[in-house]
Every structure is written in C-alpha cells, then in structure tokens.
Amino acid sequence: MEEPLIKIPEKNTPVTGMPEEVKNRFDKIDTILITVVVAIIIALISIVVAVFGIFLDQMRYNNAAYKEYSEKIGTVENTQKINQQLLEQNQKNQAIIIEQQESIRKLIK
C-alpha cells in the first residue's frame, strides 16, 4: 500500500511530511489571499475617503449658496426698509404741501 503524501498529525503537533511542491503552492495561495485582502481594505478606505470628500464638497457648496442667498435676502430687506422710509417721507412731504396750499388759499381769499 502507498504511503500518503500528507500525514494528519495528532492535535497540537506540527505538520510533517509535506512535500516541498505542496508547501510552495500553499505559500503562493497565502500570498495571493493576503494581497486580495489588502487590496479590498485599500479599496474600502478609498471609498470612505471619497464619500467623505463628496460630503465635505457638498457642505462647502451649501455654505456658499446659503451665504449668497443670505446676502441677497439682506439686500432685499435693506431695499424694502429704504423704500418704506422714502414712502413715509413722501407722505409727510405731501401733508406739508397740502397744508401750505391751504395756507396760500386762505391768504388769497
């Protein structure tokens, strides 16, 4: 009967009798697995960084848009206040003109 290439040892004993070819293949598989795992981890880190960058970029855009919107609202409110002040001044001026016209009519009569 042929002797097996790999002998399964008892618990907690090192593997012996493994041919060099099999050991090399296991080493290659280990290297490939480690490379794949490292590549996946790097890809995940890249995705997290990209998503964080997009989030920051969106926040920066929102802040700029909000600042621009706030400035426009401020300008509109300021214009409305000025228009209200001018309206009140015009009403006062009209009242003064009407009073002066009444005074002139009284003087003419």
PDB file of N, CA and C in Angstrom:
ATOM      1  N   MET A   1       0.830  -1.178   0.000  1.00  0.00           N
ATOM      2  CA  MET A   1       0.000   0.000   0.000  1.00  0.00           C
ATOM      3  C   MET A   1       0.880   1.248   0.000  1.00  0.00           C
ATOM      4  N   GLU A   2       0.434   2.268  -0.735  1.00  0.00           N
ATOM      5  CA  GLU A   2       1.213   3.507  -0.823  1.00  0.00           C
ATOM      6  C   GLU A   2       1.052   4.331   0.440  1.00  0.00           C
ATOM      7  N   GLU A   3       2.118   4.997   0.760  1.00  0.00           N
ATOM      8  CA  GLU A   3       2.066   5.867   1.915  1.00  0.00           C
ATOM      9  C   GLU A   3       1.544   7.238   1.478  1.00  0.00           C
ATOM     10  N   PRO A   4       0.628   7.885   2.237  1.00  0.00           N
ATOM     11  CA  PRO A   4       0.062   9.177   1.828  1.00  0.00           C
ATOM     12  C   PRO A   4       1.123  10.275   1.838  1.00  0.00           C
ATOM     13  N   LEU A   5       0.889  11.277   0.964  1.00  0.00           N
ATOM     14  CA  LEU A   5       1.835  12.393   0.887  1.00  0.00           C
ATOM     15  C   LEU A   5       1.806  13.242   2.157  1.00  0.00           C
ATOM     16  N   ILE A   6       0.616  13.435   2.692  1.00  0.00           N
ATOM     17  CA  ILE A   6       0.469  14.261   3.892  1.00  0.00           C
ATOM     18  C   ILE A   6      -0.069  13.389   5.002  1.00  0.00           C
ATOM     19  N   LYS A   7       0.585  13.431   6.112  1.00  0.00           N
ATOM     20  CA  LYS A   7       0.114  12.691   7.271  1.00  0.00           C
ATOM     21  C   LYS A   7      -0.586  13.665   8.200  1.00  0.00           C
ATOM     22  N   ILE A   8      -1.777  13.306   8.635  1.00  0.00           N
ATOM     23  CA  ILE A   8      -2.528  14.155   9.556  1.00  0.00           C
ATOM     24  C   ILE A   8      -2.050  13.831  10.955  1.00  0.00           C
ATOM     25  N   PRO A   9      -1.444  14.809  11.621  1.00  0.00           N
ATOM     26  CA  PRO A   9      -0.897  14.546  12.951  1.00  0.00           C
ATOM     27  C   PRO A   9      -1.981  14.620  14.023  1.00  0.00           C
ATOM     28  N   GLU A  10      -1.601  14.232  15.178  1.00  0.00           N
ATOM     29  CA  GLU A  10      -2.492  14.359  16.330  1.00  0.00           C
ATOM     30  C   GLU A  10      -2.640  15.848  16.654  1.00  0.00           C
ATOM     31  N   LYS A  11      -3.561  16.149  17.569  1.00  0.00           N
ATOM     32  CA  LYS A  11      -3.792  17.542  17.950  1.00  0.00           C
ATOM     33  C   LYS A  11      -2.512  18.175  18.473  1.00  0.00           C
ATOM     34  N   ASN A  12      -2.347  19.468  18.141  1.00  0.00           N
ATOM     35  CA  ASN A  12      -1.255  20.316  18.646  1.00  0.00           C
ATOM     36  C   ASN A  12       0.137  19.804  18.286  1.00  0.00           C
ATOM     37  N   THR A  13       0.257  19.108  17.185  1.00  0.00           N
ATOM     38  CA  THR A  13       1.580  18.714  16.717  1.00  0.00           C
ATOM     39  C   THR A  13       1.769  19.296  15.329  1.00  0.00           C
ATOM     40  N   PRO A  14       2.979  19.713  14.972  1.00  0.00           N
ATOM     41  CA  PRO A  14       3.204  20.326  13.662  1.00  0.00           C
ATOM     42  C   PRO A  14       3.027  19.328  12.524  1.00  0.00           C
ATOM     43  N   VAL A  15       2.677  19.848  11.356  1.00  0.00           N
ATOM     44  CA  VAL A  15       2.504  19.009  10.172  1.00  0.00           C
ATOM     45  C   VAL A  15       3.880  18.625   9.656  1.00  0.00           C
ATOM     46  N   THR A  16       4.059  17.343   9.397  1.00  0.00           N
ATOM     47  CA  THR A  16       5.336  16.874   8.866  1.00  0.00           C
ATOM     48  C   THR A  16       5.078  16.058   7.614  1.00  0.00           C
ATOM     49  N   GLY A  17       6.067  15.897   6.856  1.00  0.00           N
ATOM     50  CA  GLY A  17       5.971  15.067   5.676  1.00  0.00           C
ATOM     51  C   GLY A  17       5.284  15.747   4.510  1.00  0.00           C
ATOM     52  N   MET A  18       5.186  17.087   4.522  1.00  0.00           N
ATOM     53  CA  MET A  18       4.549  17.793   3.413  1.00  0.00           C
ATOM     54  C   MET A  18       5.591  18.011   2.324  1.00  0.00           C
ATOM     55  N   PRO A  19       5.301  17.557   1.123  1.00  0.00           N
ATOM     56  CA  PRO A  19       6.266  17.765   0.039  1.00  0.00           C
ATOM     57  C   PRO A  19       6.486  19.261  -0.214  1.00  0.00           C
ATOM     58  N   GLU A  20       7.647  19.585  -0.712  1.00  0.00           N
ATOM     59  CA  GLU A  20       8.024  20.978  -0.964  1.00  0.00           C
ATOM     60  C   GLU A  20       7.083  21.622  -1.979  1.00  0.00           C
ATOM     61  N   GLU A  21       6.644  20.875  -2.970  1.00  0.00           N
ATOM     62  CA  GLU A  21       5.740  21.404  -4.002  1.00  0.00           C
ATOM     63  C   GLU A  21       4.415  21.850  -3.386  1.00  0.00           C
ATOM     64  N   VAL A  22       3.873  21.048  -2.496  1.00  0.00           N
ATOM     65  CA  VAL A  22       2.607  21.388  -1.832  1.00  0.00           C
ATOM     66  C   VAL A  22       2.803  22.615  -0.948  1.00  0.00           C
ATOM     67  N   LYS A  23       3.917  22.656  -0.233  1.00  0.00           N
ATOM     68  CA  LYS A  23       4.208  23.796   0.636  1.00  0.00           C
ATOM     69  C   LYS A  23       4.314  25.080  -0.186  1.00  0.00           C
ATOM     70  N   ASN A  24       4.978  25.003  -1.330  1.00  0.00           N
ATOM     71  CA  ASN A  24       5.108  26.181  -2.199  1.00  0.00           C
ATOM     72  C   ASN A  24       3.749  26.658  -2.694  1.00  0.00           C
ATOM     73  N   ARG A  25       2.888  25.698  -3.051  1.00  0.00           N
ATOM     74  CA  ARG A  25       1.550  26.080  -3.523  1.00  0.00           C
ATOM     75  C   ARG A  25       0.760  26.764  -2.406  1.00  0.00           C
ATOM     76  N   PHE A  26       0.841  26.204  -1.191  1.00  0.00           N
ATOM     77  CA  PHE A  26       0.157  26.841  -0.063  1.00  0.00           C
ATOM     78  C   PHE A  26       0.709  28.245   0.193  1.00  0.00           C
ATOM     79  N   ASP A  27       2.012  28.402   0.068  1.00  0.00           N
ATOM     80  CA  ASP A  27       2.624  29.718   0.259  1.00  0.00           C
ATOM     81  C   ASP A  27       2.135  30.700  -0.800  1.00  0.00           C
ATOM     82  N   LYS A  28       2.027  30.237  -2.039  1.00  0.00           N
ATOM     83  CA  LYS A  28       1.535  31.104  -3.113  1.00  0.00           C
ATOM     84  C   LYS A  28       0.075  31.503  -2.857  1.00  0.00           C
ATOM     85  N   ILE A  29      -0.721  30.530  -2.438  1.00  0.00           N
ATOM     86  CA  ILE A  29      -2.131  30.819  -2.142  1.00  0.00           C
ATOM     87  C   ILE A  29      -2.227  31.809  -0.982  1.00  0.00           C
ATOM     88  N   ASP A  30      -1.388  31.621   0.034  1.00  0.00           N
ATOM     89  CA  ASP A  30      -1.372  32.554   1.162  1.00  0.00           C
ATOM     90  C   ASP A  30      -1.021  33.966   0.692  1.00  0.00           C
ATOM     91  N   THR A  31      -0.023  34.063  -0.157  1.00  0.00           N
ATOM     92  CA  THR A  31       0.389  35.365  -0.679  1.00  0.00           C
ATOM     93  C   THR A  31      -0.741  36.018  -1.474  1.00  0.00           C
ATOM     94  N   ILE A  32      -1.389  35.224  -2.313  1.00  0.00           N
ATOM     95  CA  ILE A  32      -2.497  35.762  -3.114  1.00  0.00           C
ATOM     96  C   ILE A  32      -3.639  36.219  -2.213  1.00  0.00           C
ATOM     97  N   LEU A  33      -3.985  35.424  -1.221  1.00  0.00           N
ATOM     98  CA  LEU A  33      -5.067  35.789  -0.304  1.00  0.00           C
ATOM     99  C   LEU A  33      -4.746  37.074   0.461  1.00  0.00           C
ATOM    100  N   ILE A  34      -3.525  37.174   0.934  1.00  0.00           N
ATOM    101  CA  ILE A  34      -3.119  38.384   1.657  1.00  0.00           C
ATOM    102  C   ILE A  34      -3.183  39.599   0.724  1.00  0.00           C
ATOM    103  N   THR A  35      -2.730  39.428  -0.502  1.00  0.00           N
ATOM    104  CA  THR A  35      -2.776  40.522  -1.474  1.00  0.00           C
ATOM    105  C   THR A  35      -4.217  40.948  -1.745  1.00  0.00           C
ATOM    106  N   VAL A  36      -5.113  39.976  -1.912  1.00  0.00           N
ATOM    107  CA  VAL A  36      -6.522  40.294  -2.170  1.00  0.00           C
ATOM    108  C   VAL A  36      -7.134  41.022  -0.974  1.00  0.00           C
ATOM    109  N   VAL A  37      -6.859  40.532   0.227  1.00  0.00           N
ATOM    110  CA  VAL A  37      -7.401  41.166   1.434  1.00  0.00           C
ATOM    111  C   VAL A  37      -6.876  42.604   1.565  1.00  0.00           C
ATOM    112  N   VAL A  38      -5.593  42.806   1.332  1.00  0.00           N
ATOM    113  CA  VAL A  38      -5.019  44.157   1.408  1.00  0.00           C
ATOM    114  C   VAL A  38      -5.645  45.064   0.342  1.00  0.00           C
ATOM    115  N   ALA A  39      -5.839  44.526  -0.861  1.00  0.00           N
ATOM    116  CA  ALA A  39      -6.451  45.324  -1.930  1.00  0.00           C
ATOM    117  C   ALA A  39      -7.885  45.715  -1.568  1.00  0.00           C
ATOM    118  N   ILE A  40      -8.622  44.798  -0.976  1.00  0.00           N
ATOM    119  CA  ILE A  40     -10.004  45.102  -0.572  1.00  0.00           C
ATOM    120  C   ILE A  40     -10.011  46.164   0.527  1.00  0.00           C
ATOM    121  N   ILE A  41      -9.116  46.036   1.478  1.00  0.00           N
ATOM    122  CA  ILE A  41      -9.049  47.026   2.557  1.00  0.00           C
ATOM    123  C   ILE A  41      -8.695  48.399   1.998  1.00  0.00           C
ATOM    124  N   ILE A  42      -7.734  48.460   1.092  1.00  0.00           N
ATOM    125  CA  ILE A  42      -7.357  49.736   0.473  1.00  0.00           C
ATOM    126  C   ILE A  42      -8.523  50.306  -0.324  1.00  0.00           C
ATOM    127  N   ALA A  43      -9.259  49.457  -1.034  1.00  0.00           N
ATOM    128  CA  ALA A  43     -10.425  49.924  -1.793  1.00  0.00           C
ATOM    129  C   ALA A  43     -11.493  50.481  -0.860  1.00  0.00           C
ATOM    130  N   LEU A  44     -11.736  49.813   0.250  1.00  0.00           N
ATOM    131  CA  LEU A  44     -12.723  50.311   1.215  1.00  0.00           C
ATOM    132  C   LEU A  44     -12.298  51.658   1.803  1.00  0.00           C
ATOM    133  N   ILE A  45     -11.028  51.772   2.139  1.00  0.00           N
ATOM    134  CA  ILE A  45     -10.523  53.050   2.652  1.00  0.00           C
ATOM    135  C   ILE A  45     -10.679  54.141   1.597  1.00  0.00           C
ATOM    136  N   SER A  46     -10.395  53.824   0.344  1.00  0.00           N
ATOM    137  CA  SER A  46     -10.552  54.800  -0.741  1.00  0.00           C
ATOM    138  C   SER A  46     -12.007  55.221  -0.892  1.00  0.00           C
ATOM    139  N   ILE A  47     -12.918  54.273  -0.770  1.00  0.00           N
ATOM    140  CA  ILE A  47     -14.342  54.604  -0.882  1.00  0.00           C
ATOM    141  C   ILE A  47     -14.761  55.517   0.261  1.00  0.00           C
ATOM    142  N   VAL A  48     -14.306  55.209   1.468  1.00  0.00           N
ATOM    143  CA  VAL A  48     -14.657  56.050   2.619  1.00  0.00           C
ATOM    144  C   VAL A  48     -14.113  57.463   2.430  1.00  0.00           C
ATOM    145  N   VAL A  49     -12.874  57.581   1.980  1.00  0.00           N
ATOM    146  CA  VAL A  49     -12.276  58.899   1.751  1.00  0.00           C
ATOM    147  C   VAL A  49     -13.034  59.643   0.651  1.00  0.00           C
ATOM    148  N   ALA A  50     -13.419  58.954  -0.405  1.00  0.00           N
ATOM    149  CA  ALA A  50     -14.155  59.600  -1.497  1.00  0.00           C
ATOM    150  C   ALA A  50     -15.520  60.087  -1.026  1.00  0.00           C
ATOM    151  N   VAL A  51     -16.214  59.265  -0.268  1.00  0.00           N
ATOM    152  CA  VAL A  51     -17.531  59.673   0.240  1.00  0.00           C
ATOM    153  C   VAL A  51     -17.379  60.853   1.195  1.00  0.00           C
ATOM    154  N   PHE A  52     -16.371  60.824   2.044  1.00  0.00           N
ATOM    155  CA  PHE A  52     -16.121  61.940   2.947  1.00  0.00           C
ATOM    156  C   PHE A  52     -15.792  63.211   2.154  1.00  0.00           C
ATOM    157  N   GLY A  53     -15.008  63.081   1.090  1.00  0.00           N
ATOM    158  CA  GLY A  53     -14.691  64.227   0.234  1.00  0.00           C
ATOM    159  C   GLY A  53     -15.928  64.792  -0.427  1.00  0.00           C
ATOM    160  N   ILE A  54     -16.790  63.917  -0.918  1.00  0.00           N
ATOM    161  CA  ILE A  54     -18.040  64.380  -1.534  1.00  0.00           C
ATOM    162  C   ILE A  54     -18.897  65.098  -0.498  1.00  0.00           C
ATOM    163  N   PHE A  55     -18.966  64.540   0.707  1.00  0.00           N
ATOM    164  CA  PHE A  55     -19.737  65.173   1.778  1.00  0.00           C
ATOM    165  C   PHE A  55     -19.193  66.564   2.091  1.00  0.00           C
ATOM    166  N   LEU A  56     -17.871  66.690   2.227  1.00  0.00           N
ATOM    167  CA  LEU A  56     -17.274  67.997   2.511  1.00  0.00           C
ATOM    168  C   LEU A  56     -17.516  68.979   1.371  1.00  0.00           C
ATOM    169  N   ASP A  57     -17.393  68.506   0.148  1.00  0.00           N
ATOM    170  CA  ASP A  57     -17.620  69.361  -1.010  1.00  0.00           C
ATOM    171  C   ASP A  57     -19.062  69.854  -1.036  1.00  0.00           C
ATOM    172  N   GLN A  58     -20.006  68.971  -0.729  1.00  0.00           N
ATOM    173  CA  GLN A  58     -21.413  69.354  -0.685  1.00  0.00           C
ATOM    174  C   GLN A  58     -21.660  70.374   0.422  1.00  0.00           C
ATOM    175  N   MET A  59     -21.034  70.174   1.570  1.00  0.00           N
ATOM    176  CA  MET A  59     -21.193  71.135   2.665  1.00  0.00           C
ATOM    177  C   MET A  59     -20.631  72.499   2.272  1.00  0.00           C
ATOM    178  N   ARG A  60     -19.483  72.501   1.605  1.00  0.00           N
ATOM    179  CA  ARG A  60     -18.876  73.762   1.165  1.00  0.00           C
ATOM    180  C   ARG A  60     -19.791  74.463   0.161  1.00  0.00           C
ATOM    181  N   TYR A  61     -20.364  73.687  -0.771  1.00  0.00           N
ATOM    182  CA  TYR A  61     -21.286  74.269  -1.750  1.00  0.00           C
ATOM    183  C   TYR A  61     -22.523  74.824  -1.057  1.00  0.00           C
ATOM    184  N   ASN A  62     -23.079  74.066  -0.100  1.00  0.00           N
ATOM    185  CA  ASN A  62     -24.264  74.534   0.621  1.00  0.00           C
ATOM    186  C   ASN A  62     -23.959  75.803   1.404  1.00  0.00           C
ATOM    187  N   ASN A  63     -22.780  75.872   2.022  1.00  0.00           N
ATOM    188  CA  ASN A  63     -22.413  77.076   2.764  1.00  0.00           C
ATOM    189  C   ASN A  63     -22.288  78.277   1.835  1.00  0.00           C
ATOM    190  N   ALA A  64     -21.684  78.083   0.681  1.00  0.00           N
ATOM    191  CA  ALA A  64     -21.539  79.185  -0.274  1.00  0.00           C
ATOM    192  C   ALA A  64     -22.903  79.629  -0.788  1.00  0.00           C
ATOM    193  N   ALA A  65     -23.755  78.669  -1.105  1.00  0.00           N
ATOM    194  CA  ALA A  65     -25.093  79.009  -1.595  1.00  0.00           C
ATOM    195  C   ALA A  65     -25.892  79.716  -0.510  1.00  0.00           C
ATOM    196  N   TYR A  66     -25.780  79.258   0.727  1.00  0.00           N
ATOM    197  CA  TYR A  66     -26.507  79.895   1.829  1.00  0.00           C
ATOM    198  C   TYR A  66     -26.000  81.312   2.054  1.00  0.00           C
ATOM    199  N   LYS A  67     -24.686  81.489   1.975  1.00  0.00           N
ATOM    200  CA  LYS A  67     -24.107  82.828   2.162  1.00  0.00           C
ATOM    201  C   LYS A  67     -24.613  83.770   1.069  1.00  0.00           C
ATOM    202  N   GLU A  68     -24.595  83.297  -0.165  1.00  0.00           N
ATOM    203  CA  GLU A  68     -25.075  84.127  -1.280  1.00  0.00           C
ATOM    204  C   GLU A  68     -26.564  84.440  -1.105  1.00  0.00           C
ATOM    205  N   TYR A  69     -27.342  83.453  -0.721  1.00  0.00           N
ATOM    206  CA  TYR A  69     -28.776  83.646  -0.516  1.00  0.00           C
ATOM    207  C   TYR A  69     -29.019  84.642   0.621  1.00  0.00           C
ATOM    208  N   SER A  70     -28.254  84.515   1.708  1.00  0.00           N
ATOM    209  CA  SER A  70     -28.405  85.426   2.847  1.00  0.00           C
ATOM    210  C   SER A  70     -28.071  86.857   2.445  1.00  0.00           C
ATOM    211  N   GLU A  71     -27.023  87.014   1.643  1.00  0.00           N
ATOM    212  CA  GLU A  71     -26.664  88.365   1.189  1.00  0.00           C
ATOM    213  C   GLU A  71     -27.772  88.964   0.330  1.00  0.00           C
ATOM    214  N   LYS A  72     -28.360  88.154  -0.543  1.00  0.00           N
ATOM    215  CA  LYS A  72     -29.450  88.658  -1.383  1.00  0.00           C
ATOM    216  C   LYS A  72     -30.662  89.026  -0.531  1.00  0.00           C
ATOM    217  N   ILE A  73     -30.976  88.176   0.452  1.00  0.00           N
ATOM    218  CA  ILE A  73     -32.104  88.469   1.344  1.00  0.00           C
ATOM    219  C   ILE A  73     -31.829  89.755   2.117  1.00  0.00           C
ATOM    220  N   GLY A  74     -30.610  89.913   2.586  1.00  0.00           N
ATOM    221  CA  GLY A  74     -30.231  91.143   3.303  1.00  0.00           C
ATOM    222  C   GLY A  74     -30.384  92.367   2.424  1.00  0.00           C
ATOM    223  N   THR A  75     -29.977  92.255   1.178  1.00  0.00           N
ATOM    224  CA  THR A  75     -30.097  93.375   0.244  1.00  0.00           C
ATOM    225  C   THR A  75     -31.569  93.707  -0.005  1.00  0.00           C
ATOM    226  N   VAL A  76     -32.379  92.688  -0.182  1.00  0.00           N
ATOM    227  CA  VAL A  76     -33.815  92.908  -0.421  1.00  0.00           C
ATOM    228  C   VAL A  76     -34.457  93.554   0.811  1.00  0.00           C
ATOM    229  N   GLU A  77     -34.144  93.075   1.996  1.00  0.00           N
ATOM    230  CA  GLU A  77     -34.704  93.652   3.220  1.00  0.00           C
ATOM    231  C   GLU A  77     -34.260  95.095   3.388  1.00  0.00           C
ATOM    232  N   ASN A  78     -33.010  95.372   3.098  1.00  0.00           N
ATOM    233  CA  ASN A  78     -32.491  96.744   3.194  1.00  0.00           C
ATOM    234  C   ASN A  78     -33.209  97.650   2.203  1.00  0.00           C
ATOM    235  N   THR A  79     -33.415  97.165   0.991  1.00  0.00           N
ATOM    236  CA  THR A  79     -34.135  97.951  -0.023  1.00  0.00           C
ATOM    237  C   THR A  79     -35.570  98.207   0.421  1.00  0.00           C
ATOM    238  N   GLN A  80     -36.213  97.216   1.006  1.00  0.00           N
ATOM    239  CA  GLN A  80     -37.580  97.399   1.493  1.00  0.00           C
ATOM    240  C   GLN A  80     -37.637  98.432   2.601  1.00  0.00           C
ATOM    241  N   LYS A  81     -36.667  98.421   3.513  1.00  0.00           N
ATOM    242  CA  LYS A  81     -36.625  99.424   4.586  1.00  0.00           C
ATOM    243  C   LYS A  81     -36.450 100.822   4.010  1.00  0.00           C
ATOM    244  N   ILE A  82     -35.546 100.960   3.052  1.00  0.00           N
ATOM    245  CA  ILE A  82     -35.313 102.262   2.428  1.00  0.00           C
ATOM    246  C   ILE A  82     -36.575 102.732   1.711  1.00  0.00           C
ATOM    247  N   ASN A  83     -37.221 101.809   0.998  1.00  0.00           N
ATOM    248  CA  ASN A  83     -38.463 102.177   0.300  1.00  0.00           C
ATOM    249  C   ASN A  83     -39.544 102.597   1.290  1.00  0.00           C
ATOM    250  N   GLN A  84     -39.632 101.917   2.419  1.00  0.00           N
ATOM    251  CA  GLN A  84     -40.622 102.277   3.444  1.00  0.00           C
ATOM    252  C   GLN A  84     -40.317 103.656   4.011  1.00  0.00           C
ATOM    253  N   GLN A  85     -39.049 103.941   4.270  1.00  0.00           N
ATOM    254  CA  GLN A  85     -38.663 105.258   4.780  1.00  0.00           C
ATOM    255  C   GLN A  85     -38.983 106.354   3.756  1.00  0.00           C
ATOM    256  N   LEU A  86     -38.693 106.067   2.483  1.00  0.00           N
ATOM    257  CA  LEU A  86     -38.999 107.052   1.433  1.00  0.00           C
ATOM    258  C   LEU A  86     -40.501 107.275   1.308  1.00  0.00           C
ATOM    259  N   LEU A  87     -41.295 106.212   1.434  1.00  0.00           N
ATOM    260  CA  LEU A  87     -42.748 106.333   1.382  1.00  0.00           C
ATOM    261  C   LEU A  87     -43.250 107.214   2.523  1.00  0.00           C
ATOM    262  N   GLU A  88     -42.751 106.978   3.725  1.00  0.00           N
ATOM    263  CA  GLU A  88     -43.158 107.789   4.866  1.00  0.00           C
ATOM    264  C   GLU A  88     -42.751 109.249   4.671  1.00  0.00           C
ATOM    265  N   GLN A  89     -41.539 109.472   4.159  1.00  0.00           N
ATOM    266  CA  GLN A  89     -41.076 110.842   3.900  1.00  0.00           C
ATOM    267  C   GLN A  89     -41.940 111.508   2.835  1.00  0.00           C
ATOM    268  N   ASN A  90     -42.310 110.768   1.797  1.00  0.00           N
ATOM    269  CA  ASN A  90     -43.175 111.315   0.750  1.00  0.00           C
ATOM    270  C   ASN A  90     -44.552 111.684   1.311  1.00  0.00           C
ATOM    271  N   GLN A  91     -45.073 110.824   2.186  1.00  0.00           N
ATOM    272  CA  GLN A  91     -46.377 111.130   2.790  1.00  0.00           C
ATOM    273  C   GLN A  91     -46.297 112.392   3.647  1.00  0.00           C
ATOM    274  N   LYS A  92     -45.208 112.554   4.409  1.00  0.00           N
ATOM    275  CA  LYS A  92     -45.024 113.760   5.215  1.00  0.00           C
ATOM    276  C   LYS A  92     -44.910 114.987   4.307  1.00  0.00           C
ATOM    277  N   ASN A  93     -44.143 114.849   3.231  1.00  0.00           N
ATOM    278  CA  ASN A  93     -43.980 115.965   2.288  1.00  0.00           C
ATOM    279  C   ASN A  93     -45.322 116.333   1.661  1.00  0.00           C
ATOM    280  N   GLN A  94     -46.136 115.348   1.299  1.00  0.00           N
ATOM    281  CA  GLN A  94     -47.453 115.627   0.718  1.00  0.00           C
ATOM    282  C   GLN A  94     -48.342 116.342   1.727  1.00  0.00           C
ATOM    283  N   ALA A  95     -48.265 115.925   2.995  1.00  0.00           N
ATOM    284  CA  ALA A  95     -49.070 116.598   4.030  1.00  0.00           C
ATOM    285  C   ALA A  95     -48.629 118.044   4.186  1.00  0.00           C
ATOM    286  N   ILE A  96     -47.310 118.287   4.161  1.00  0.00           N
ATOM    287  CA  ILE A  96     -46.792 119.655   4.271  1.00  0.00           C
ATOM    288  C   ILE A  96     -47.245 120.480   3.073  1.00  0.00           C
ATOM    289  N   ILE A  97     -47.185 119.898   1.864  1.00  0.00           N
ATOM    290  CA  ILE A  97     -47.603 120.621   0.647  1.00  0.00           C
ATOM    291  C   ILE A  97     -49.090 120.966   0.730  1.00  0.00           C
ATOM    292  N   ILE A  98     -49.903 120.038   1.201  1.00  0.00           N
ATOM    293  CA  ILE A  98     -51.353 120.289   1.311  1.00  0.00           C
ATOM    294  C   ILE A  98     -51.602 121.401   2.325  1.00  0.00           C
ATOM    295  N   GLU A  99     -50.874 121.376   3.456  1.00  0.00           N
ATOM    296  CA  GLU A  99     -51.025 122.440   4.455  1.00  0.00           C
ATOM    297  C   GLU A  99     -50.619 123.792   3.869  1.00  0.00           C
ATOM    298  N   GLN A 100     -49.511 123.809   3.124  1.00  0.00           N
ATOM    299  CA  GLN A 100     -49.055 125.070   2.516  1.00  0.00           C
ATOM    300  C   GLN A 100     -50.059 125.564   1.486  1.00  0.00           C
ATOM    301  N   GLN A 101     -50.630 124.641   0.711  1.00  0.00           N
ATOM    302  CA  GLN A 101     -51.638 125.062  -0.263  1.00  0.00           C
ATOM    303  C   GLN A 101     -52.886 125.636   0.428  1.00  0.00           C
ATOM    304  N   GLU A 102     -53.267 125.033   1.549  1.00  0.00           N
ATOM    305  CA  GLU A 102     -54.409 125.553   2.308  1.00  0.00           C
ATOM    306  C   GLU A 102     -54.088 126.945   2.843  1.00  0.00           C
ATOM    307  N   SER A 103     -52.852 127.124   3.310  1.00  0.00           N
ATOM    308  CA  SER A 103     -52.445 128.440   3.817  1.00  0.00           C
ATOM    309  C   SER A 103     -52.464 129.479   2.702  1.00  0.00           C
ATOM    310  N   ILE A 104     -51.987 129.081   1.537  1.00  0.00           N
ATOM    311  CA  ILE A 104     -51.964 130.005   0.385  1.00  0.00           C
ATOM    312  C   ILE A 104     -53.398 130.360  -0.017  1.00  0.00           C
ATOM    313  N   ARG A 105     -54.334 129.416  -0.033  1.00  0.00           N
ATOM    314  CA  ARG A 105     -55.729 129.697  -0.375  1.00  0.00           C
ATOM    315  C   ARG A 105     -56.355 130.656   0.614  1.00  0.00           C
ATOM    316  N   LYS A 106     -56.040 130.457   1.889  1.00  0.00           N
ATOM    317  CA  LYS A 106     -56.593 131.353   2.912  1.00  0.00           C
ATOM    318  C   LYS A 106     -56.061 132.767   2.720  1.00  0.00           C
ATOM    319  N   LEU A 107     -54.776 132.862   2.349  1.00  0.00           N
ATOM    320  CA  LEU A 107     -54.176 134.179   2.128  1.00  0.00           C
ATOM    321  C   LEU A 107     -54.763 134.850   0.876  1.00  0.00           C
ATOM    322  N   ILE A 108     -55.062 134.084  -0.144  1.00  0.00           N
ATOM    323  CA  ILE A 108     -55.593 134.635  -1.390  1.00  0.00           C
ATOM    324  C   ILE A 108     -57.013 135.101  -1.184  1.00  0.00           C
ATOM    325  N   LYS A 109     -57.807 134.491  -0.387  1.00  0.00           N
ATOM    326  CA  LYS A 109     -59.216 134.862  -0.199  1.00  0.00           C
ATOM    327  C   LYS A 109     -59.363 136.113   0.524  1.00  0.00           C
TER     328      LYS A 109
END
